[in-house]
Structure formats: C-alpha cells, structure tokens
C-alpha cells in the first residue's frame, strides 16, 4: 500500500484528497518543493538529497506567504524518512511536499487562513536527457518579475509562467525553454538554473536576475570551485552569450545536471556534451548516491543499519 503524509497523519494515497473548494486550488497560493532520493544498491540504502535545505527553503517561503506551520525542519525531515520507510521504497524517487490553505473560502488573500502540508512520492525518472543533452529555445515569455510574483519562491501559481514557456518550446520541437527576465537578460530555464562555460570560466545569472534560489545551483557552484577549480562569475548574461558559449548546462533537483547542446538552432561548442559538464556530472551523480564520503553531509539515509 502506498502512503502519503496528509494534514497531520499518514494515510493511504487514495485518501489524500482536498475539497474542490480548497482556497489554494483556486488561487495558486500553494508553496511546494521537489526533493530527490537516490537508491544505492551496494549500500542497500536510500539517500535523500538536501532534505534539510529543501525544508529550510519551504519554511522560508511559507513565512513569506503568511503560512505558519507547526513543524520544524527536523520534523519535516523525520516525517519524510518515515514516509519513505512506510512505502518501502528501494529505488530512485521524487518527493513532493506541498503547503496550501485548506480553507473553503473564495477570496484571494494570504491572511486569516489555515495552512496544511501534504507530502507524497512519485516515480519521476529522468526529467531531461542528461546523457546526450538537450535542445533549447529562448522563449518569448519573460520570467516573472520579483515585484510581480517572485521567482525565488516556489509558489504554485507562478508556474503558469513556466508552463507557457515549456509548452512553447515543446510545440516548436525543442526540449526546454530558456527565459529572459523583464530587462532582457538570461534568467533561467522553465524549471532550472543555467550555467555557461566560456574560456574555462563558469558564468551564471545572480539572484538579482529574478531566478529561483536553486539548491542544486549552490551545490554545483561548490563542485566547480572545489573539485574542478573553475572560476565562477555571477552577473547579468546577455542572450547572445548563449550562442557563443563553449558549454551550457541546466541545474535543478528534477533536471540534475543537464547539458544543453543547441540553442535556437545553434550548436553549443561541438554540439555535444562538453568536457567540464561531463566531469561535473560524474562527480555529482556519484555524490548523490553516497559514493563520495566528503559529500555525505548532503545526504539523509532512510534505512537504519
């Protein structure tokens, strides 16, 4: 039987249902996270990646949305571990916590409502092609402005913006979209942060460019600096810089580290996965499965040994 954590208790997934009148369903005011857990067959262990960091961000975003939950970061990590154990998961899995106003009133506001949290698991697999790389299109849809709907928050309603861009790209025959901000500079993908490699240096838009404060982005910066000794520059990135980059890759919990081999019908580098991206992927994918001891701090083991 598959379980979810729903409004304070573990229930069969079929019972984890909200009322059609639920306020956040109508106004997109839910806050969510995406968390991956990786199975290591040799260790016979399931490792949750950045569990604490994800729940820290969730609670920060909830606070900004006037959602006060009766749980600490450690509470939520422990609930997630228990959920994975109850579901007896021994394979890679995606975890979706979502906080929403459960009230049945139809008024678009953020106060005088009651927040609840649900957590469930999903067999996600690969979100994008991390081996051969993907083709992307610069979208005609601009990234949300921070003074409109902040992209640094993972708020459900904001992802209409992502859905429009992603759909435009797919209908045009591409795999993903790259979005510009309201000033015309590169922001991020529809659900990923972006890095460019030029002349051995990594370039990525800063948080001031209206992007998600990515957890994988932060981890990749550490790997670039500590493992590959690559200089990192955070600054505004012009659209034209994409076309002349030596390498491009996207980062995110779902996307992991996804190489970009073509932008707007222009090959990036030689049109295949670049050397720095390959090396970065190798380190990252070993680290998330508990194969590099110095990165054990990233992981929360699920099963007791």
C-alpha atoms as a PDB file:
ATOM      1  CA  UNK A   1       0.000   0.000   0.000  1.00  0.00           C
ATOM      2  CA  UNK A   2       1.249   3.482  -0.877  1.00  0.00           C
ATOM      3  CA  UNK A   3       1.021   6.186   1.787  1.00  0.00           C
ATOM      4  CA  UNK A   4       1.097   9.974   1.865  1.00  0.00           C
ATOM      5  CA  UNK A   5       1.509  12.344   4.785  1.00  0.00           C
ATOM      6  CA  UNK A   6      -1.682  14.372   4.656  1.00  0.00           C
ATOM      7  CA  UNK A   7      -2.898  17.025   7.084  1.00  0.00           C
ATOM      8  CA  UNK A   8      -1.056  15.642  10.095  1.00  0.00           C
ATOM      9  CA  UNK A   9      -1.158  11.878   9.558  1.00  0.00           C
ATOM     10  CA  UNK A  10      -0.096   9.061   7.264  1.00  0.00           C
ATOM     11  CA  UNK A  11      -2.954   7.869   5.080  1.00  0.00           C
ATOM     12  CA  UNK A  12      -3.309   5.635   2.008  1.00  0.00           C
ATOM     13  CA  UNK A  13      -2.617   7.785  -1.045  1.00  0.00           C
ATOM     14  CA  UNK A  14      -6.208   7.336  -2.232  1.00  0.00           C
ATOM     15  CA  UNK A  15      -7.434   9.135   0.887  1.00  0.00           C
ATOM     16  CA  UNK A  16      -5.139  12.149   0.486  1.00  0.00           C
ATOM     17  CA  UNK A  17      -7.699  14.355  -1.212  1.00  0.00           C
ATOM     18  CA  UNK A  18      -8.608  18.019  -0.964  1.00  0.00           C
ATOM     19  CA  UNK A  19     -12.045  19.568  -1.316  1.00  0.00           C
ATOM     20  CA  UNK A  20     -12.880  21.176  -4.666  1.00  0.00           C
ATOM     21  CA  UNK A  21     -13.491  24.413  -2.724  1.00  0.00           C
ATOM     22  CA  UNK A  22      -9.935  24.477  -1.296  1.00  0.00           C
ATOM     23  CA  UNK A  23      -8.707  28.060  -1.433  1.00  0.00           C
ATOM     24  CA  UNK A  24      -5.177  27.413  -2.777  1.00  0.00           C
ATOM     25  CA  UNK A  25      -6.580  25.246  -5.580  1.00  0.00           C
ATOM     26  CA  UNK A  26      -8.386  28.307  -6.911  1.00  0.00           C
ATOM     27  CA  UNK A  27      -5.694  30.951  -6.401  1.00  0.00           C
ATOM     28  CA  UNK A  28      -2.381  29.110  -6.844  1.00  0.00           C
ATOM     29  CA  UNK A  29      -1.133  30.079  -3.394  1.00  0.00           C
ATOM     30  CA  UNK A  30       0.439  26.713  -2.548  1.00  0.00           C
ATOM     31  CA  UNK A  31       4.160  26.511  -1.745  1.00  0.00           C
ATOM     32  CA  UNK A  32       5.959  23.348  -2.813  1.00  0.00           C
ATOM     33  CA  UNK A  33       9.325  21.639  -3.069  1.00  0.00           C
ATOM     34  CA  UNK A  34      10.790  18.885  -5.212  1.00  0.00           C
ATOM     35  CA  UNK A  35      13.218  16.562  -3.438  1.00  0.00           C
ATOM     36  CA  UNK A  36      15.068  13.579  -4.870  1.00  0.00           C
ATOM     37  CA  UNK A  37      16.151  10.442  -3.072  1.00  0.00           C
ATOM     38  CA  UNK A  38      18.691   8.082  -4.677  1.00  0.00           C
ATOM     39  CA  UNK A  39      18.980   4.341  -4.131  1.00  0.00           C
ATOM     40  CA  UNK A  40      22.445   2.812  -3.680  1.00  0.00           C
ATOM     41  CA  UNK A  41      22.228  -0.918  -4.361  1.00  0.00           C
ATOM     42  CA  UNK A  42      25.657  -1.674  -2.920  1.00  0.00           C
ATOM     43  CA  UNK A  43      24.877   0.153   0.328  1.00  0.00           C
ATOM     44  CA  UNK A  44      21.265  -1.091   0.339  1.00  0.00           C
ATOM     45  CA  UNK A  45      20.430   2.458   1.300  1.00  0.00           C
ATOM     46  CA  UNK A  46      18.135   5.216   0.089  1.00  0.00           C
ATOM     47  CA  UNK A  47      19.657   8.691   0.409  1.00  0.00           C
ATOM     48  CA  UNK A  48      17.503  11.843   0.477  1.00  0.00           C
ATOM     49  CA  UNK A  49      19.407  14.654  -1.207  1.00  0.00           C
ATOM     50  CA  UNK A  50      19.488  18.031   0.568  1.00  0.00           C
ATOM     51  CA  UNK A  51      16.469  17.183   2.723  1.00  0.00           C
ATOM     52  CA  UNK A  52      17.176  19.912   5.289  1.00  0.00           C
ATOM     53  CA  UNK A  53      17.999  22.531   2.673  1.00  0.00           C
ATOM     54  CA  UNK A  54      14.706  21.889   0.863  1.00  0.00           C
ATOM     55  CA  UNK A  55      12.650  22.133   4.026  1.00  0.00           C
ATOM     56  CA  UNK A  56      14.515  25.242   5.128  1.00  0.00           C
ATOM     57  CA  UNK A  57      13.574  26.864   1.829  1.00  0.00           C
ATOM     58  CA  UNK A  58       9.995  25.600   2.110  1.00  0.00           C
ATOM     59  CA  UNK A  59       9.553  27.152   5.547  1.00  0.00           C
ATOM     60  CA  UNK A  60      11.186  30.436   4.444  1.00  0.00           C
ATOM     61  CA  UNK A  61       8.808  30.646   1.513  1.00  0.00           C
ATOM     62  CA  UNK A  62       5.851  29.740   3.712  1.00  0.00           C
ATOM     63  CA  UNK A  63       6.749  32.545   6.111  1.00  0.00           C
ATOM     64  CA  UNK A  64       6.804  34.996   3.204  1.00  0.00           C
ATOM     65  CA  UNK A  65       3.312  33.764   2.228  1.00  0.00           C
ATOM     66  CA  UNK A  66       1.941  34.090   5.806  1.00  0.00           C
ATOM     67  CA  UNK A  67       1.795  30.309   6.175  1.00  0.00           C
ATOM     68  CA  UNK A  68       2.796  29.283   9.692  1.00  0.00           C
ATOM     69  CA  UNK A  69       3.208  25.515  10.031  1.00  0.00           C
ATOM     70  CA  UNK A  70       3.548  23.649  13.368  1.00  0.00           C
ATOM     71  CA  UNK A  71       6.629  21.791  12.093  1.00  0.00           C
ATOM     72  CA  UNK A  72      10.367  22.423  12.253  1.00  0.00           C
ATOM     73  CA  UNK A  73      12.856  21.467   9.562  1.00  0.00           C
ATOM     74  CA  UNK A  74      13.819  18.392  11.575  1.00  0.00           C
ATOM     75  CA  UNK A  75      10.154  17.432  11.992  1.00  0.00           C
ATOM     76  CA  UNK A  76       9.633  17.516   8.233  1.00  0.00           C
ATOM     77  CA  UNK A  77      12.820  15.564   7.526  1.00  0.00           C
ATOM     78  CA  UNK A  78      11.758  12.889  10.018  1.00  0.00           C
ATOM     79  CA  UNK A  79       8.247  12.708   8.558  1.00  0.00           C
ATOM     80  CA  UNK A  80       9.746  12.250   5.084  1.00  0.00           C
ATOM     81  CA  UNK A  81      12.058   9.476   6.281  1.00  0.00           C
ATOM     82  CA  UNK A  82       9.104   7.716   7.903  1.00  0.00           C
ATOM     83  CA  UNK A  83       7.020   8.097   4.730  1.00  0.00           C
ATOM     84  CA  UNK A  84       9.752   6.528   2.592  1.00  0.00           C
ATOM     85  CA  UNK A  85      10.077   3.667   5.064  1.00  0.00           C
ATOM     86  CA  UNK A  86       6.312   3.081   5.133  1.00  0.00           C
ATOM     87  CA  UNK A  87       6.287   2.967   1.331  1.00  0.00           C
ATOM     88  CA  UNK A  88       9.302   0.596   1.418  1.00  0.00           C
ATOM     89  CA  UNK A  89      10.984   2.485  -1.421  1.00  0.00           C
ATOM     90  CA  UNK A  90      14.195   0.963  -2.707  1.00  0.00           C
ATOM     91  CA  UNK A  91      14.686   2.847  -5.964  1.00  0.00           C
ATOM     92  CA  UNK A  92      15.249   6.432  -7.051  1.00  0.00           C
ATOM     93  CA  UNK A  93      12.219   8.512  -6.113  1.00  0.00           C
ATOM     94  CA  UNK A  94      10.930  12.076  -6.225  1.00  0.00           C
ATOM     95  CA  UNK A  95       9.318  13.598  -3.123  1.00  0.00           C
ATOM     96  CA  UNK A  96       6.736  16.372  -3.329  1.00  0.00           C
ATOM     97  CA  UNK A  97       5.874  18.381  -0.202  1.00  0.00           C
ATOM     98  CA  UNK A  98       3.176  20.988  -0.763  1.00  0.00           C
ATOM     99  CA  UNK A  99       1.730  23.546   1.648  1.00  0.00           C
ATOM    100  CA  UNK A 100      -1.669  25.033   0.925  1.00  0.00           C
ATOM    101  CA  UNK A 101      -4.513  26.961   2.503  1.00  0.00           C
ATOM    102  CA  UNK A 102      -7.162  24.344   3.211  1.00  0.00           C
ATOM    103  CA  UNK A 103      -9.954  26.884   3.848  1.00  0.00           C
ATOM    104  CA  UNK A 104     -13.055  26.622   1.663  1.00  0.00           C
ATOM    105  CA  UNK A 105     -13.473  30.354   1.098  1.00  0.00           C
ATOM    106  CA  UNK A 106     -13.187  32.034  -2.271  1.00  0.00           C
ATOM    107  CA  UNK A 107     -11.177  35.160  -1.526  1.00  0.00           C
ATOM    108  CA  UNK A 108      -7.653  35.736  -2.948  1.00  0.00           C
ATOM    109  CA  UNK A 109      -5.730  36.730   0.171  1.00  0.00           C
ATOM    110  CA  UNK A 110      -2.947  35.334   2.370  1.00  0.00           C
ATOM    111  CA  UNK A 111      -4.180  36.105   5.868  1.00  0.00           C
ATOM    112  CA  UNK A 112      -6.750  34.583   8.229  1.00  0.00           C
ATOM    113  CA  UNK A 113      -6.450  31.202   6.507  1.00  0.00           C
ATOM    114  CA  UNK A 114      -5.156  27.842   7.785  1.00  0.00           C
ATOM    115  CA  UNK A 115      -2.164  26.212   6.058  1.00  0.00           C
ATOM    116  CA  UNK A 116      -1.686  22.445   5.826  1.00  0.00           C
ATOM    117  CA  UNK A 117       1.043  20.272   4.368  1.00  0.00           C
ATOM    118  CA  UNK A 118       0.923  17.119   2.286  1.00  0.00           C
ATOM    119  CA  UNK A 119       3.926  15.003   1.274  1.00  0.00           C
ATOM    120  CA  UNK A 120       3.880  12.207  -1.278  1.00  0.00           C
ATOM    121  CA  UNK A 121       6.304  10.290  -3.503  1.00  0.00           C
ATOM    122  CA  UNK A 122       6.436   9.993  -7.274  1.00  0.00           C
ATOM    123  CA  UNK A 123       8.393   7.729  -9.640  1.00  0.00           C
ATOM    124  CA  UNK A 124       9.875  10.530 -11.682  1.00  0.00           C
ATOM    125  CA  UNK A 125      12.878   9.069 -13.521  1.00  0.00           C
ATOM    126  CA  UNK A 126      14.916  11.419 -15.690  1.00  0.00           C
ATOM    127  CA  UNK A 127      13.271  14.791 -16.265  1.00  0.00           C
ATOM    128  CA  UNK A 128      15.567  15.692 -19.183  1.00  0.00           C
ATOM    129  CA  UNK A 129      18.235  13.856 -21.186  1.00  0.00           C
ATOM    130  CA  UNK A 130      21.335  14.153 -19.005  1.00  0.00           C
ATOM    131  CA  UNK A 131      23.443  11.876 -21.235  1.00  0.00           C
ATOM    132  CA  UNK A 132      23.193  13.280 -24.766  1.00  0.00           C
ATOM    133  CA  UNK A 133      22.000  16.752 -23.841  1.00  0.00           C
ATOM    134  CA  UNK A 134      19.007  18.783 -24.966  1.00  0.00           C
ATOM    135  CA  UNK A 135      17.958  21.418 -27.485  1.00  0.00           C
ATOM    136  CA  UNK A 136      16.541  24.631 -26.033  1.00  0.00           C
ATOM    137  CA  UNK A 137      14.687  27.673 -27.314  1.00  0.00           C
ATOM    138  CA  UNK A 138      14.792  31.198 -25.936  1.00  0.00           C
ATOM    139  CA  UNK A 139      11.171  31.796 -25.012  1.00  0.00           C
ATOM    140  CA  UNK A 140       9.001  34.714 -25.987  1.00  0.00           C
ATOM    141  CA  UNK A 141       7.574  34.532 -22.467  1.00  0.00           C
ATOM    142  CA  UNK A 142       9.533  36.609 -19.928  1.00  0.00           C
ATOM    143  CA  UNK A 143      10.368  35.316 -16.445  1.00  0.00           C
ATOM    144  CA  UNK A 144       8.183  36.651 -13.627  1.00  0.00           C
ATOM    145  CA  UNK A 145       9.481  39.897 -12.197  1.00  0.00           C
ATOM    146  CA  UNK A 146      10.334  39.862  -8.485  1.00  0.00           C
ATOM    147  CA  UNK A 147       7.862  42.689  -7.918  1.00  0.00           C
ATOM    148  CA  UNK A 148       5.120  40.656  -9.578  1.00  0.00           C
ATOM    149  CA  UNK A 149       5.388  37.010  -8.475  1.00  0.00           C
ATOM    150  CA  UNK A 150       8.880  36.331  -7.063  1.00  0.00           C
ATOM    151  CA  UNK A 151      10.643  33.513  -8.909  1.00  0.00           C
ATOM    152  CA  UNK A 152      12.784  32.872  -5.821  1.00  0.00           C
ATOM    153  CA  UNK A 153       9.665  31.378  -4.188  1.00  0.00           C
ATOM    154  CA  UNK A 154       8.331  28.014  -5.340  1.00  0.00           C
ATOM    155  CA  UNK A 155       4.729  29.159  -5.365  1.00  0.00           C
ATOM    156  CA  UNK A 156       2.304  27.125  -7.465  1.00  0.00           C
ATOM    157  CA  UNK A 157       0.641  29.973  -9.339  1.00  0.00           C
ATOM    158  CA  UNK A 158       3.986  31.267 -10.616  1.00  0.00           C
ATOM    159  CA  UNK A 159       4.475  28.074 -12.606  1.00  0.00           C
ATOM    160  CA  UNK A 160       1.890  29.123 -15.166  1.00  0.00           C
ATOM    161  CA  UNK A 161       4.772  31.245 -16.429  1.00  0.00           C
ATOM    162  CA  UNK A 162       6.955  28.133 -16.692  1.00  0.00           C
ATOM    163  CA  UNK A 163       4.186  26.082 -18.317  1.00  0.00           C
ATOM    164  CA  UNK A 164       3.691  28.685 -21.051  1.00  0.00           C
ATOM    165  CA  UNK A 165       7.412  28.782 -21.860  1.00  0.00           C
ATOM    166  CA  UNK A 166       7.894  24.999 -21.726  1.00  0.00           C
ATOM    167  CA  UNK A 167       4.849  24.381 -23.935  1.00  0.00           C
ATOM    168  CA  UNK A 168       6.020  26.928 -26.493  1.00  0.00           C
ATOM    169  CA  UNK A 169       9.386  25.174 -26.671  1.00  0.00           C
ATOM    170  CA  UNK A 170       7.889  21.685 -26.979  1.00  0.00           C
ATOM    171  CA  UNK A 171       5.476  22.735 -29.726  1.00  0.00           C
ATOM    172  CA  UNK A 172       8.417  24.236 -31.627  1.00  0.00           C
ATOM    173  CA  UNK A 173      10.292  20.916 -31.450  1.00  0.00           C
ATOM    174  CA  UNK A 174      12.686  21.757 -28.609  1.00  0.00           C
ATOM    175  CA  UNK A 175      13.173  20.035 -25.259  1.00  0.00           C
ATOM    176  CA  UNK A 176      13.181  23.040 -22.963  1.00  0.00           C
ATOM    177  CA  UNK A 177      12.872  26.824 -22.809  1.00  0.00           C
ATOM    178  CA  UNK A 178      15.329  29.479 -21.679  1.00  0.00           C
ATOM    179  CA  UNK A 179      13.590  32.510 -20.227  1.00  0.00           C
ATOM    180  CA  UNK A 180      14.771  36.106 -20.218  1.00  0.00           C
ATOM    181  CA  UNK A 181      13.894  38.474 -17.383  1.00  0.00           C
ATOM    182  CA  UNK A 182      11.983  41.725 -17.783  1.00  0.00           C
ATOM    183  CA  UNK A 183      15.242  43.543 -18.630  1.00  0.00           C
ATOM    184  CA  UNK A 184      16.072  41.139 -21.474  1.00  0.00           C
ATOM    185  CA  UNK A 185      18.866  39.251 -19.699  1.00  0.00           C
ATOM    186  CA  UNK A 186      19.022  35.479 -19.339  1.00  0.00           C
ATOM    187  CA  UNK A 187      17.180  34.304 -16.216  1.00  0.00           C
ATOM    188  CA  UNK A 188      16.817  30.510 -16.201  1.00  0.00           C
ATOM    189  CA  UNK A 189      15.028  27.568 -17.777  1.00  0.00           C
ATOM    190  CA  UNK A 190      11.351  26.869 -17.197  1.00  0.00           C
ATOM    191  CA  UNK A 191      12.322  24.918 -14.082  1.00  0.00           C
ATOM    192  CA  UNK A 192      16.120  25.028 -13.906  1.00  0.00           C
ATOM    193  CA  UNK A 193      19.010  27.385 -13.239  1.00  0.00           C
ATOM    194  CA  UNK A 194      21.564  27.880 -16.005  1.00  0.00           C
ATOM    195  CA  UNK A 195      25.369  27.951 -16.275  1.00  0.00           C
ATOM    196  CA  UNK A 196      27.553  28.883 -19.252  1.00  0.00           C
ATOM    197  CA  UNK A 197      31.193  27.903 -19.705  1.00  0.00           C
ATOM    198  CA  UNK A 198      33.311  30.424 -21.618  1.00  0.00           C
ATOM    199  CA  UNK A 199      37.099  30.155 -21.837  1.00  0.00           C
ATOM    200  CA  UNK A 200      37.227  27.900 -18.801  1.00  0.00           C
ATOM    201  CA  UNK A 201      35.087  30.180 -16.606  1.00  0.00           C
ATOM    202  CA  UNK A 202      31.565  29.379 -15.343  1.00  0.00           C
ATOM    203  CA  UNK A 203      29.030  32.194 -15.731  1.00  0.00           C
ATOM    204  CA  UNK A 204      25.574  32.170 -14.145  1.00  0.00           C
ATOM    205  CA  UNK A 205      22.896  34.806 -13.528  1.00  0.00           C
ATOM    206  CA  UNK A 206      22.833  36.131  -9.960  1.00  0.00           C
ATOM    207  CA  UNK A 207      19.789  36.036  -7.693  1.00  0.00           C
ATOM    208  CA  UNK A 208      19.054  39.641  -8.623  1.00  0.00           C
ATOM    209  CA  UNK A 209      18.167  38.466 -12.146  1.00  0.00           C
ATOM    210  CA  UNK A 210      14.770  37.146 -10.929  1.00  0.00           C
ATOM    211  CA  UNK A 211      15.654  33.467 -10.591  1.00  0.00           C
ATOM    212  CA  UNK A 212      14.954  30.632  -8.186  1.00  0.00           C
ATOM    213  CA  UNK A 213      17.409  30.355  -5.311  1.00  0.00           C
ATOM    214  CA  UNK A 214      18.393  26.904  -6.513  1.00  0.00           C
ATOM    215  CA  UNK A 215      19.696  24.288  -4.094  1.00  0.00           C
ATOM    216  CA  UNK A 216      21.332  22.263  -6.870  1.00  0.00           C
ATOM    217  CA  UNK A 217      22.754  25.522  -8.242  1.00  0.00           C
ATOM    218  CA  UNK A 218      24.521  26.132  -4.910  1.00  0.00           C
ATOM    219  CA  UNK A 219      25.879  22.568  -4.842  1.00  0.00           C
ATOM    220  CA  UNK A 220      27.177  22.861  -8.402  1.00  0.00           C
ATOM    221  CA  UNK A 221      28.970  26.108  -7.555  1.00  0.00           C
ATOM    222  CA  UNK A 222      30.802  24.270  -4.765  1.00  0.00           C
ATOM    223  CA  UNK A 223      31.743  21.402  -7.067  1.00  0.00           C
ATOM    224  CA  UNK A 224      33.005  23.770  -9.752  1.00  0.00           C
ATOM    225  CA  UNK A 225      35.126  25.659  -7.246  1.00  0.00           C
ATOM    226  CA  UNK A 226      36.381  22.813  -5.050  1.00  0.00           C
ATOM    227  CA  UNK A 227      36.615  19.874  -7.431  1.00  0.00           C
ATOM    228  CA  UNK A 228      37.228  21.376 -10.872  1.00  0.00           C
ATOM    229  CA  UNK A 229      38.902  24.626  -9.725  1.00  0.00           C
ATOM    230  CA  UNK A 230      36.724  26.605 -12.119  1.00  0.00           C
ATOM    231  CA  UNK A 231      36.228  30.321 -11.531  1.00  0.00           C
ATOM    232  CA  UNK A 232      32.582  31.359 -11.175  1.00  0.00           C
ATOM    233  CA  UNK A 233      31.186  34.704 -12.263  1.00  0.00           C
ATOM    234  CA  UNK A 234      27.652  35.757 -11.249  1.00  0.00           C
ATOM    235  CA  UNK A 235      26.323  38.615 -13.346  1.00  0.00           C
ATOM    236  CA  UNK A 236      23.735  39.613 -15.963  1.00  0.00           C
ATOM    237  CA  UNK A 237      24.007  37.351 -19.037  1.00  0.00           C
ATOM    238  CA  UNK A 238      23.007  38.630 -22.470  1.00  0.00           C
ATOM    239  CA  UNK A 239      21.010  36.366 -24.784  1.00  0.00           C
ATOM    240  CA  UNK A 240      23.744  36.476 -27.418  1.00  0.00           C
ATOM    241  CA  UNK A 241      26.226  34.999 -24.930  1.00  0.00           C
ATOM    242  CA  UNK A 242      24.290  31.742 -25.098  1.00  0.00           C
ATOM    243  CA  UNK A 243      25.157  31.358 -28.783  1.00  0.00           C
ATOM    244  CA  UNK A 244      28.904  31.762 -28.288  1.00  0.00           C
ATOM    245  CA  UNK A 245      29.272  29.713 -25.105  1.00  0.00           C
ATOM    246  CA  UNK A 246      31.668  26.756 -25.099  1.00  0.00           C
ATOM    247  CA  UNK A 247      29.299  24.756 -22.907  1.00  0.00           C
ATOM    248  CA  UNK A 248      25.895  25.272 -21.295  1.00  0.00           C
ATOM    249  CA  UNK A 249      24.147  23.182 -18.686  1.00  0.00           C
ATOM    250  CA  UNK A 250      20.997  23.426 -16.582  1.00  0.00           C
ATOM    251  CA  UNK A 251      20.760  22.536 -12.910  1.00  0.00           C
ATOM    252  CA  UNK A 252      17.865  21.592 -10.653  1.00  0.00           C
ATOM    253  CA  UNK A 253      16.519  18.846  -8.449  1.00  0.00           C
ATOM    254  CA  UNK A 254      14.497  17.426 -11.336  1.00  0.00           C
ATOM    255  CA  UNK A 255      16.968  18.319 -14.103  1.00  0.00           C
ATOM    256  CA  UNK A 256      20.041  17.349 -12.036  1.00  0.00           C
ATOM    257  CA  UNK A 257      22.866  18.486 -14.368  1.00  0.00           C
ATOM    258  CA  UNK A 258      21.525  18.570 -17.916  1.00  0.00           C
ATOM    259  CA  UNK A 259      23.830  19.546 -20.815  1.00  0.00           C
ATOM    260  CA  UNK A 260      22.498  21.935 -23.453  1.00  0.00           C
ATOM    261  CA  UNK A 261      23.890  21.096 -26.899  1.00  0.00           C
ATOM    262  CA  UNK A 262      21.853  23.524 -29.008  1.00  0.00           C
ATOM    263  CA  UNK A 263      20.173  26.912 -28.503  1.00  0.00           C
ATOM    264  CA  UNK A 264      17.842  28.360 -31.140  1.00  0.00           C
ATOM    265  CA  UNK A 265      19.271  26.010 -33.810  1.00  0.00           C
ATOM    266  CA  UNK A 266      22.837  26.995 -32.940  1.00  0.00           C
ATOM    267  CA  UNK A 267      25.178  24.253 -31.772  1.00  0.00           C
ATOM    268  CA  UNK A 268      26.911  24.887 -28.471  1.00  0.00           C
ATOM    269  CA  UNK A 269      30.603  24.078 -28.689  1.00  0.00           C
ATOM    270  CA  UNK A 270      30.902  20.962 -30.824  1.00  0.00           C
ATOM    271  CA  UNK A 271      27.214  20.148 -30.433  1.00  0.00           C
ATOM    272  CA  UNK A 272      27.788  17.510 -27.772  1.00  0.00           C
ATOM    273  CA  UNK A 273      28.346  17.342 -24.015  1.00  0.00           C
ATOM    274  CA  UNK A 274      31.319  19.483 -23.007  1.00  0.00           C
ATOM    275  CA  UNK A 275      34.331  18.291 -21.003  1.00  0.00           C
ATOM    276  CA  UNK A 276      33.643  20.386 -17.895  1.00  0.00           C
ATOM    277  CA  UNK A 277      29.970  19.383 -17.891  1.00  0.00           C
ATOM    278  CA  UNK A 278      30.889  15.689 -18.173  1.00  0.00           C
ATOM    279  CA  UNK A 279      33.339  15.864 -15.304  1.00  0.00           C
ATOM    280  CA  UNK A 280      30.866  17.793 -13.184  1.00  0.00           C
ATOM    281  CA  UNK A 281      28.130  15.223 -13.871  1.00  0.00           C
ATOM    282  CA  UNK A 282      30.410  12.347 -12.907  1.00  0.00           C
ATOM    283  CA  UNK A 283      31.192  13.867  -9.516  1.00  0.00           C
ATOM    284  CA  UNK A 284      27.601  14.920  -8.865  1.00  0.00           C
ATOM    285  CA  UNK A 285      25.979  11.592  -9.708  1.00  0.00           C
ATOM    286  CA  UNK A 286      28.446   9.715  -7.514  1.00  0.00           C
ATOM    287  CA  UNK A 287      27.985  12.166  -4.653  1.00  0.00           C
ATOM    288  CA  UNK A 288      24.179  11.949  -4.594  1.00  0.00           C
ATOM    289  CA  UNK A 289      24.334   8.146  -4.253  1.00  0.00           C
ATOM    290  CA  UNK A 290      26.670   8.276  -1.272  1.00  0.00           C
ATOM    291  CA  UNK A 291      29.765   7.252  -3.205  1.00  0.00           C
ATOM    292  CA  UNK A 292      31.931  10.214  -2.169  1.00  0.00           C
ATOM    293  CA  UNK A 293      32.477  10.406   1.573  1.00  0.00           C
ATOM    294  CA  UNK A 294      33.232  14.131   1.696  1.00  0.00           C
ATOM    295  CA  UNK A 295      29.701  14.826   0.437  1.00  0.00           C
ATOM    296  CA  UNK A 296      27.868  12.613   2.928  1.00  0.00           C
ATOM    297  CA  UNK A 297      26.641  15.832   4.521  1.00  0.00           C
ATOM    298  CA  UNK A 298      24.360  16.328   1.519  1.00  0.00           C
ATOM    299  CA  UNK A 299      22.510  13.124   2.297  1.00  0.00           C
ATOM    300  CA  UNK A 300      19.964  11.786   4.765  1.00  0.00           C
ATOM    301  CA  UNK A 301      19.916   7.969   4.897  1.00  0.00           C
ATOM    302  CA  UNK A 302      16.445   6.461   5.172  1.00  0.00           C
ATOM    303  CA  UNK A 303      17.032   2.939   6.439  1.00  0.00           C
ATOM    304  CA  UNK A 304      18.669   2.107   9.759  1.00  0.00           C
ATOM    305  CA  UNK A 305      21.778  -0.058   9.587  1.00  0.00           C
END
